């Protein structure tokens, strides 16, 4: 399995975990896992060169989602009892 397909799989698993968290009414967990899943999927799209003409935009989106997921994860760790 190619590395980019592994990133799609991890992204899909994180989005599935986010869906589970929204049913538990954990909004911060939902947003954290959803953003992390989107970051993995975006990185997979970059590796497969799906949007070659928009490479700079895709890299910017990927970095933004990754940094946002990190900040949300730190917030999640801080707020857990």
Protein backbone atom coordinates (compact mmCIF):
# COMPACT_ATOMS: atom_id res chain seq x y z
CA UNK A 1 0.00 0.00 0.00
CA UNK A 2 1.40 3.38 -0.96
CA UNK A 3 2.11 5.92 1.75
CA UNK A 4 -0.44 8.35 0.37
CA UNK A 5 -3.18 5.72 0.57
CA UNK A 6 -2.18 5.10 4.16
CA UNK A 7 -2.72 8.79 4.81
CA UNK A 8 -6.18 8.53 3.27
CA UNK A 9 -6.92 5.59 5.57
CA UNK A 10 -5.70 7.39 8.70
CA UNK A 11 -7.67 10.49 7.68
CA UNK A 12 -10.83 8.45 7.19
CA UNK A 13 -10.34 6.76 10.57
CA UNK A 14 -9.92 10.12 12.28
CA UNK A 15 -13.05 11.48 10.60
CA UNK A 16 -14.90 8.34 11.70
CA UNK A 17 -13.67 8.94 15.25
CA UNK A 18 -14.88 12.53 14.95
CA UNK A 19 -18.33 11.26 13.96
CA UNK A 20 -18.35 9.03 17.04
CA UNK A 21 -17.39 11.98 19.24
CA UNK A 22 -20.23 14.16 17.95
CA UNK A 23 -22.71 11.45 19.00
CA UNK A 24 -21.20 11.61 22.50
CA UNK A 25 -21.73 15.42 22.45
CA UNK A 26 -18.00 16.13 22.73
CA UNK A 27 -17.67 19.11 20.40
CA UNK A 28 -13.98 19.86 21.07
CA UNK A 29 -13.03 16.24 20.39
CA UNK A 30 -15.14 16.28 17.22
CA UNK A 31 -13.41 19.37 15.87
CA UNK A 32 -9.93 18.14 16.84
CA UNK A 33 -10.28 14.74 15.17
CA UNK A 34 -12.07 16.22 12.15
CA UNK A 35 -9.33 18.78 11.51
CA UNK A 36 -6.61 16.15 11.99
CA UNK A 37 -8.40 13.84 9.54
CA UNK A 38 -8.68 16.60 6.96
CA UNK A 39 -4.98 17.38 7.40
CA UNK A 40 -4.06 13.75 6.65
CA UNK A 41 -6.33 13.64 3.61
CA UNK A 42 -4.88 16.91 2.31
CA UNK A 43 -1.35 15.54 2.67
CA UNK A 44 -2.41 12.44 0.72
CA UNK A 45 -3.78 14.64 -2.06
CA UNK A 46 -0.48 16.52 -2.18
CA UNK A 47 1.56 13.30 -2.41
CA UNK A 48 -0.65 11.98 -5.23
CA UNK A 49 -0.34 15.33 -7.03
CA UNK A 50 -4.09 15.54 -7.53
CA UNK A 51 -4.07 19.33 -7.67
CA UNK A 52 -0.72 19.97 -9.37
CA UNK A 53 -1.72 23.40 -10.61
CA UNK A 54 -2.61 24.51 -7.07
CA UNK A 55 0.36 23.08 -5.21
CA UNK A 56 1.09 26.22 -3.17
CA UNK A 57 -2.52 26.54 -2.07
CA UNK A 58 -2.67 22.87 -1.08
CA UNK A 59 0.56 23.18 0.93
CA UNK A 60 -0.81 26.24 2.69
CA UNK A 61 -4.05 24.43 3.52
CA UNK A 62 -2.11 21.39 4.74
CA UNK A 63 0.14 23.41 7.02
CA UNK A 64 -2.79 25.41 8.36
CA UNK A 65 -4.79 22.27 9.17
CA UNK A 66 -1.77 20.60 10.78
CA UNK A 67 -0.98 23.58 13.01
CA UNK A 68 -4.66 23.98 13.91
CA UNK A 69 -4.91 20.27 14.80
CA UNK A 70 -1.84 20.60 17.03
CA UNK A 71 -3.27 23.62 18.84
CA UNK A 72 -6.62 21.88 19.29
CA UNK A 73 -4.90 18.74 20.58
CA UNK A 74 -2.99 20.77 23.16
CA UNK A 75 -6.26 22.47 24.16
CA UNK A 76 -7.92 19.07 24.44
CA UNK A 77 -5.13 17.80 26.73
CA UNK A 78 -5.37 20.87 28.89
CA UNK A 79 -9.16 20.69 29.29
CA UNK A 80 -9.44 16.96 30.07
CA UNK A 81 -9.99 16.25 33.76
